[in-house]
Each structure stands twice: as C-alpha cells, then as structure tokens.
Amino acid sequence: MLLNIKDNQGMEGQVDNQEEQLKSLQALLINEFITRIESGEAAPSDLNAARQLLKDNGIHAGLSKDNPMDNLVKILPFDEAAHG
C-alpha cells in the first residue's frame, strides 16, 4: 500500500508541474500577443488568436459611454431591425 501512496503523490506532483508549465506557456503566449499588438506587427491571425484566447477564458468587454469600443459599434453598418 505504501507504494501506491508514493505513486499517487508522484502523479500529483506531475499534475502540479504540468499545470505550472501550462500557466507559463499561457503567460508567454499572452506576452507575445501584447508585444506584437503594441508594436503594430500583429497579423490578422494574431489578432484573431488573441481574441479567441480572451473569449476562451471568459474575458468580455462591457460597453459604457466612455468606452472606445462603443464608438466602434456606432460606426459599424449593422441593420438595427435585424439585430433588435
């Protein structure tokens, strides 16, 4: 039985290590997106991947009167009747 406990502890350590590696990878990816976007070097695929990363992690922009995104929404050619 003691061997099983050690095996389980080893597996937990591996899981913890994998979680840390995933966090590090995500941080590197986010920093790369920021660097590319701020420098103006971001390709459309980079912007789409950054948008998808935000969406996948539940990050959404709320609109307020002072939010620049509100200005973007106002100028886009949406059909008001079709979108409510």
N, C-alpha and C. Protein backbone atom coordinates (compact mmCIF):
# COMPACT_ATOMS: atom_id res chain seq x y z
N MET A 1 0.81 -1.20 0.00
CA MET A 1 0.00 0.00 0.00
C MET A 1 0.85 1.26 0.00
N LEU A 2 1.94 1.27 0.71
CA LEU A 2 2.79 2.44 0.76
C LEU A 2 3.28 2.82 -0.62
N LEU A 3 3.55 1.85 -1.47
CA LEU A 3 4.00 2.11 -2.83
C LEU A 3 2.92 2.86 -3.60
N ASN A 4 1.67 2.48 -3.41
CA ASN A 4 0.58 3.17 -4.10
C ASN A 4 0.47 4.63 -3.67
N ILE A 5 0.65 4.89 -2.39
CA ILE A 5 0.59 6.26 -1.89
C ILE A 5 1.71 7.08 -2.52
N LYS A 6 2.90 6.52 -2.57
CA LYS A 6 4.00 7.25 -3.20
C LYS A 6 3.74 7.47 -4.67
N ASP A 7 3.18 6.47 -5.35
CA ASP A 7 2.86 6.61 -6.76
C ASP A 7 1.84 7.73 -6.96
N ASN A 8 0.84 7.79 -6.11
CA ASN A 8 -0.18 8.83 -6.22
C ASN A 8 0.42 10.21 -5.96
N GLN A 9 1.32 10.29 -4.99
CA GLN A 9 1.96 11.57 -4.71
C GLN A 9 2.82 11.99 -5.90
N GLY A 10 3.49 11.04 -6.52
CA GLY A 10 4.29 11.35 -7.70
C GLY A 10 3.42 11.85 -8.84
N MET A 11 2.26 11.23 -9.01
CA MET A 11 1.34 11.66 -10.06
C MET A 11 0.80 13.06 -9.77
N GLU A 12 0.52 13.35 -8.50
CA GLU A 12 0.05 14.68 -8.14
C GLU A 12 1.13 15.71 -8.43
N GLY A 13 2.37 15.36 -8.16
CA GLY A 13 3.48 16.26 -8.47
C GLY A 13 3.60 16.50 -9.96
N GLN A 14 3.37 15.47 -10.76
CA GLN A 14 3.41 15.62 -12.21
C GLN A 14 2.28 16.53 -12.68
N VAL A 15 1.11 16.36 -12.10
CA VAL A 15 -0.03 17.19 -12.47
C VAL A 15 0.26 18.64 -12.11
N ASP A 16 0.80 18.88 -10.90
CA ASP A 16 1.15 20.23 -10.49
C ASP A 16 2.18 20.83 -11.44
N ASN A 17 3.17 20.03 -11.84
CA ASN A 17 4.19 20.51 -12.76
C ASN A 17 3.60 20.84 -14.12
N GLN A 18 2.69 20.01 -14.60
CA GLN A 18 2.03 20.28 -15.88
C GLN A 18 1.20 21.55 -15.81
N GLU A 19 0.51 21.76 -14.70
CA GLU A 19 -0.28 22.97 -14.53
C GLU A 19 0.62 24.20 -14.54
N GLU A 20 1.75 24.12 -13.87
CA GLU A 20 2.70 25.24 -13.86
C GLU A 20 3.25 25.49 -15.26
N GLN A 21 3.54 24.41 -16.00
CA GLN A 21 4.03 24.57 -17.37
C GLN A 21 2.98 25.21 -18.26
N LEU A 22 1.72 24.82 -18.09
CA LEU A 22 0.65 25.41 -18.88
C LEU A 22 0.47 26.89 -18.54
N LYS A 23 0.58 27.24 -17.26
CA LYS A 23 0.50 28.64 -16.86
C LYS A 23 1.64 29.44 -17.47
N SER A 24 2.83 28.87 -17.47
CA SER A 24 3.99 29.55 -18.06
C SER A 24 3.81 29.73 -19.56
N LEU A 25 3.31 28.69 -20.22
CA LEU A 25 3.08 28.76 -21.66
C LEU A 25 2.03 29.82 -21.98
N GLN A 26 0.97 29.85 -21.20
CA GLN A 26 -0.07 30.86 -21.42
C GLN A 26 0.48 32.26 -21.20
N ALA A 27 1.29 32.45 -20.18
CA ALA A 27 1.89 33.76 -19.92
C ALA A 27 2.79 34.18 -21.07
N LEU A 28 3.58 33.25 -21.59
CA LEU A 28 4.45 33.56 -22.74
C LEU A 28 3.62 33.95 -23.95
N LEU A 29 2.55 33.21 -24.19
CA LEU A 29 1.67 33.49 -25.33
C LEU A 29 1.03 34.86 -25.19
N ILE A 30 0.52 35.16 -24.02
CA ILE A 30 -0.11 36.46 -23.79
C ILE A 30 0.89 37.59 -23.98
N ASN A 31 2.10 37.42 -23.44
CA ASN A 31 3.13 38.45 -23.61
C ASN A 31 3.50 38.64 -25.06
N GLU A 32 3.55 37.56 -25.83
CA GLU A 32 3.86 37.66 -27.26
C GLU A 32 2.75 38.40 -28.00
N PHE A 33 1.49 38.10 -27.67
CA PHE A 33 0.37 38.83 -28.28
C PHE A 33 0.48 40.32 -27.98
N ILE A 34 0.74 40.66 -26.73
CA ILE A 34 0.85 42.06 -26.33
C ILE A 34 1.97 42.75 -27.10
N THR A 35 3.13 42.10 -27.19
CA THR A 35 4.27 42.67 -27.90
C THR A 35 3.93 42.93 -29.36
N ARG A 36 3.34 41.95 -30.02
CA ARG A 36 3.00 42.09 -31.44
C ARG A 36 1.95 43.17 -31.67
N ILE A 37 0.94 43.20 -30.82
CA ILE A 37 -0.13 44.18 -30.99
C ILE A 37 0.38 45.59 -30.73
N GLU A 38 1.12 45.78 -29.66
CA GLU A 38 1.64 47.11 -29.33
C GLU A 38 2.63 47.62 -30.37
N SER A 39 3.39 46.71 -30.98
CA SER A 39 4.38 47.13 -31.98
C SER A 39 3.76 47.37 -33.35
N GLY A 40 2.52 46.94 -33.53
CA GLY A 40 1.87 47.07 -34.82
C GLY A 40 2.21 45.94 -35.78
N GLU A 41 2.93 44.95 -35.31
CA GLU A 41 3.35 43.83 -36.15
C GLU A 41 2.35 42.68 -36.16
N ALA A 42 1.27 42.80 -35.43
CA ALA A 42 0.31 41.69 -35.32
C ALA A 42 -0.40 41.48 -36.66
N ALA A 43 -0.37 40.25 -37.13
CA ALA A 43 -1.10 39.87 -38.33
C ALA A 43 -2.57 39.65 -37.95
N PRO A 44 -3.45 39.65 -38.93
CA PRO A 44 -4.86 39.37 -38.61
C PRO A 44 -5.03 38.04 -37.86
N SER A 45 -4.23 37.05 -38.19
CA SER A 45 -4.34 35.77 -37.48
C SER A 45 -3.91 35.90 -36.02
N ASP A 46 -2.95 36.77 -35.73
CA ASP A 46 -2.54 37.02 -34.34
C ASP A 46 -3.68 37.66 -33.56
N LEU A 47 -4.32 38.65 -34.19
CA LEU A 47 -5.44 39.33 -33.53
C LEU A 47 -6.59 38.36 -33.29
N ASN A 48 -6.86 37.50 -34.24
CA ASN A 48 -7.92 36.52 -34.07
C ASN A 48 -7.58 35.53 -32.96
N ALA A 49 -6.32 35.09 -32.91
CA ALA A 49 -5.91 34.15 -31.86
C ALA A 49 -5.99 34.81 -30.49
N ALA A 50 -5.61 36.09 -30.39
CA ALA A 50 -5.70 36.81 -29.12
C ALA A 50 -7.16 36.96 -28.72
N ARG A 51 -8.03 37.29 -29.68
CA ARG A 51 -9.45 37.40 -29.41
C ARG A 51 -10.02 36.08 -28.90
N GLN A 52 -9.61 34.98 -29.54
CA GLN A 52 -10.10 33.67 -29.14
C GLN A 52 -9.60 33.28 -27.75
N LEU A 53 -8.35 33.63 -27.44
CA LEU A 53 -7.81 33.35 -26.11
C LEU A 53 -8.63 34.08 -25.04
N LEU A 54 -8.94 35.34 -25.30
CA LEU A 54 -9.77 36.09 -24.36
C LEU A 54 -11.14 35.46 -24.21
N LYS A 55 -11.75 35.11 -25.33
CA LYS A 55 -13.09 34.51 -25.30
C LYS A 55 -13.07 33.19 -24.55
N ASP A 56 -12.07 32.35 -24.84
CA ASP A 56 -11.98 31.04 -24.20
C ASP A 56 -11.79 31.14 -22.69
N ASN A 57 -11.25 32.27 -22.24
CA ASN A 57 -11.01 32.47 -20.81
C ASN A 57 -12.05 33.37 -20.16
N GLY A 58 -13.16 33.61 -20.87
CA GLY A 58 -14.28 34.34 -20.29
C GLY A 58 -14.05 35.83 -20.13
N ILE A 59 -13.16 36.40 -20.94
CA ILE A 59 -12.89 37.83 -20.87
C ILE A 59 -13.77 38.52 -21.91
N HIS A 60 -14.65 39.40 -21.44
CA HIS A 60 -15.58 40.11 -22.32
C HIS A 60 -15.53 41.59 -21.99
N ALA A 61 -15.72 42.42 -22.99
CA ALA A 61 -15.73 43.86 -22.79
C ALA A 61 -17.15 44.33 -22.56
N GLY A 62 -17.33 45.07 -21.52
CA GLY A 62 -18.62 45.70 -21.28
C GLY A 62 -18.59 47.09 -21.89
N LEU A 63 -19.68 47.51 -22.47
CA LEU A 63 -19.72 48.82 -23.11
C LEU A 63 -20.27 49.86 -22.14
N SER A 64 -19.61 50.99 -22.13
CA SER A 64 -20.10 52.14 -21.38
C SER A 64 -19.97 53.35 -22.30
N LYS A 65 -20.51 54.44 -21.89
CA LYS A 65 -20.49 55.65 -22.72
C LYS A 65 -19.06 56.11 -23.02
N ASP A 66 -18.13 55.90 -22.11
CA ASP A 66 -16.76 56.38 -22.28
C ASP A 66 -15.83 55.33 -22.89
N ASN A 67 -16.37 54.20 -23.28
CA ASN A 67 -15.57 53.11 -23.82
C ASN A 67 -15.37 53.32 -25.31
N PRO A 68 -14.11 53.32 -25.80
CA PRO A 68 -13.87 53.49 -27.24
C PRO A 68 -14.57 52.43 -28.09
N MET A 69 -14.82 51.28 -27.52
CA MET A 69 -15.49 50.24 -28.28
C MET A 69 -16.92 50.67 -28.63
N ASP A 70 -17.51 51.48 -27.79
CA ASP A 70 -18.85 51.99 -28.08
C ASP A 70 -18.82 52.81 -29.37
N ASN A 71 -17.75 53.57 -29.59
CA ASN A 71 -17.62 54.35 -30.82
C ASN A 71 -17.52 53.44 -32.04
N LEU A 72 -16.81 52.34 -31.90
CA LEU A 72 -16.69 51.38 -32.98
C LEU A 72 -18.05 50.77 -33.32
N VAL A 73 -18.79 50.40 -32.29
CA VAL A 73 -20.11 49.82 -32.51
C VAL A 73 -21.01 50.81 -33.24
N LYS A 74 -20.92 52.08 -32.90
CA LYS A 74 -21.77 53.10 -33.52
C LYS A 74 -21.51 53.25 -35.01
N ILE A 75 -20.26 53.07 -35.45
CA ILE A 75 -19.95 53.30 -36.86
C ILE A 75 -20.07 52.06 -37.73
N LEU A 76 -20.21 50.88 -37.11
CA LEU A 76 -20.35 49.67 -37.91
C LEU A 76 -21.73 49.63 -38.55
N PRO A 77 -21.80 49.15 -39.78
CA PRO A 77 -23.07 49.18 -40.51
C PRO A 77 -23.99 48.02 -40.15
N PHE A 78 -24.48 48.01 -38.94
CA PHE A 78 -25.43 46.98 -38.52
C PHE A 78 -26.84 47.38 -38.94
N ASP A 79 -27.62 46.42 -39.31
CA ASP A 79 -29.03 46.63 -39.62
C ASP A 79 -29.78 46.57 -38.29
N GLU A 80 -30.22 47.71 -37.80
CA GLU A 80 -30.88 47.79 -36.50
C GLU A 80 -32.10 46.87 -36.41
N ALA A 81 -32.85 46.77 -37.48
CA ALA A 81 -34.05 45.94 -37.47
C ALA A 81 -33.70 44.47 -37.31
N ALA A 82 -32.61 44.05 -37.91
CA ALA A 82 -32.21 42.65 -37.84
C ALA A 82 -31.59 42.28 -36.50
N HIS A 83 -31.03 43.27 -35.78
CA HIS A 83 -30.32 42.99 -34.53
C HIS A 83 -31.03 43.52 -33.30
N GLY A 84 -32.27 43.90 -33.46
CA GLY A 84 -33.05 44.21 -32.31
C GLY A 84 -33.13 45.55 -31.81
